[in-house]
Amino acid sequence: MSTYQFNKHVIQHHFCANCGIAPYADGEGKAGPMAAVNVRCLPDVDLETLTITKVDGRSF
């Protein structure tokens, strides 16, 4: 696993240096510690059954 940090370096984006898949990220959000999981990496998740809510990260 390799790690990349954008801009303010508060969230660590973890990814495979070989294939590029980014399974998760963790760090400090505005409300405290946070973690994000890329559900496309989970074998038993059917993406067609999920309700997707788009968020404008700039205005959040």
C-alpha atoms as a PDB file:
ATOM      1  CA  MET A   1       0.000   0.000   0.000  1.00  0.00           C
ATOM      2  CA  SER A   2       1.220   3.461  -0.882  1.00  0.00           C
ATOM      3  CA  THR A   3      -0.174   6.728   0.430  1.00  0.00           C
ATOM      4  CA  TYR A   4      -0.815  10.081  -1.197  1.00  0.00           C
ATOM      5  CA  GLN A   5      -1.938  13.348   0.391  1.00  0.00           C
ATOM      6  CA  PHE A   6      -3.516  16.217  -1.521  1.00  0.00           C
ATOM      7  CA  ASN A   7      -3.339  19.934  -0.789  1.00  0.00           C
ATOM      8  CA  LYS A   8      -3.615  20.347   3.019  1.00  0.00           C
ATOM      9  CA  HIS A   9      -2.267  16.861   3.843  1.00  0.00           C
ATOM     10  CA  VAL A  10      -5.039  15.979   6.319  1.00  0.00           C
ATOM     11  CA  ILE A  11      -6.382  12.877   4.552  1.00  0.00           C
ATOM     12  CA  GLN A  12      -4.230   9.903   3.625  1.00  0.00           C
ATOM     13  CA  HIS A  13      -5.396   8.296   0.370  1.00  0.00           C
ATOM     14  CA  HIS A  14      -4.137   4.703   0.293  1.00  0.00           C
ATOM     15  CA  PHE A  15      -3.631   2.936  -3.031  1.00  0.00           C
ATOM     16  CA  CYS A  16      -1.862  -0.012  -4.624  1.00  0.00           C
ATOM     17  CA  ALA A  17       1.358   1.149  -6.298  1.00  0.00           C
ATOM     18  CA  ASN A  18       1.061  -1.751  -8.800  1.00  0.00           C
ATOM     19  CA  CYS A  19      -2.519  -1.545 -10.057  1.00  0.00           C
ATOM     20  CA  GLY A  20      -3.608   1.889  -8.800  1.00  0.00           C
ATOM     21  CA  ILE A  21      -6.770   0.798  -6.972  1.00  0.00           C
ATOM     22  CA  ALA A  22      -7.628   3.123  -4.082  1.00  0.00           C
ATOM     23  CA  PRO A  23      -9.519   1.066  -1.487  1.00  0.00           C
ATOM     24  CA  TYR A  24      -9.693   3.562   1.373  1.00  0.00           C
ATOM     25  CA  ALA A  25      -8.684   6.863   2.908  1.00  0.00           C
ATOM     26  CA  ASP A  26      -8.455   8.118   6.472  1.00  0.00           C
ATOM     27  CA  GLY A  27      -7.569  11.297   8.265  1.00  0.00           C
ATOM     28  CA  GLU A  28      -8.951  14.350  10.019  1.00  0.00           C
ATOM     29  CA  GLY A  29     -12.170  15.802   8.666  1.00  0.00           C
ATOM     30  CA  LYS A  30     -13.835  19.039   9.747  1.00  0.00           C
ATOM     31  CA  ALA A  31     -15.889  17.112  12.325  1.00  0.00           C
ATOM     32  CA  GLY A  32     -12.998  14.954  13.563  1.00  0.00           C
ATOM     33  CA  PRO A  33     -11.483  11.625  12.495  1.00  0.00           C
ATOM     34  CA  MET A  34     -12.896  10.159   9.291  1.00  0.00           C
ATOM     35  CA  ALA A  35     -12.527   7.129   7.076  1.00  0.00           C
ATOM     36  CA  ALA A  36     -13.804   6.424   3.570  1.00  0.00           C
ATOM     37  CA  VAL A  37     -14.041   2.984   1.969  1.00  0.00           C
ATOM     38  CA  ASN A  38     -14.281   2.405  -1.781  1.00  0.00           C
ATOM     39  CA  VAL A  39     -17.155  -0.096  -1.871  1.00  0.00           C
ATOM     40  CA  ARG A  40     -16.119  -1.146  -5.387  1.00  0.00           C
ATOM     41  CA  CYS A  41     -13.297  -3.043  -3.632  1.00  0.00           C
ATOM     42  CA  LEU A  42     -15.694  -5.123  -1.512  1.00  0.00           C
ATOM     43  CA  PRO A  43     -16.512  -8.453  -3.182  1.00  0.00           C
ATOM     44  CA  ASP A  44     -20.042  -8.914  -1.808  1.00  0.00           C
ATOM     45  CA  VAL A  45     -21.431  -5.451  -2.584  1.00  0.00           C
ATOM     46  CA  ASP A  46     -23.817  -5.147  -5.524  1.00  0.00           C
ATOM     47  CA  LEU A  47     -23.454  -1.555  -6.715  1.00  0.00           C
ATOM     48  CA  GLU A  48     -26.842  -1.725  -8.448  1.00  0.00           C
ATOM     49  CA  THR A  49     -28.571  -2.028  -5.056  1.00  0.00           C
ATOM     50  CA  LEU A  50     -26.984   1.100  -3.566  1.00  0.00           C
ATOM     51  CA  THR A  51     -28.576   4.526  -3.475  1.00  0.00           C
ATOM     52  CA  ILE A  52     -25.983   7.082  -4.524  1.00  0.00           C
ATOM     53  CA  THR A  53     -26.184  10.565  -3.035  1.00  0.00           C
ATOM     54  CA  LYS A  54     -23.890  13.015  -4.763  1.00  0.00           C
ATOM     55  CA  VAL A  55     -22.249  15.621  -2.544  1.00  0.00           C
ATOM     56  CA  ASP A  56     -20.677  18.866  -3.608  1.00  0.00           C
ATOM     57  CA  GLY A  57     -17.501  18.668  -1.531  1.00  0.00           C
ATOM     58  CA  ARG A  58     -16.774  22.340  -2.010  1.00  0.00           C
ATOM     59  CA  SER A  59     -19.973  23.480  -0.332  1.00  0.00           C
ATOM     60  CA  PHE A  60     -20.018  20.777   2.314  1.00  0.00           C
END
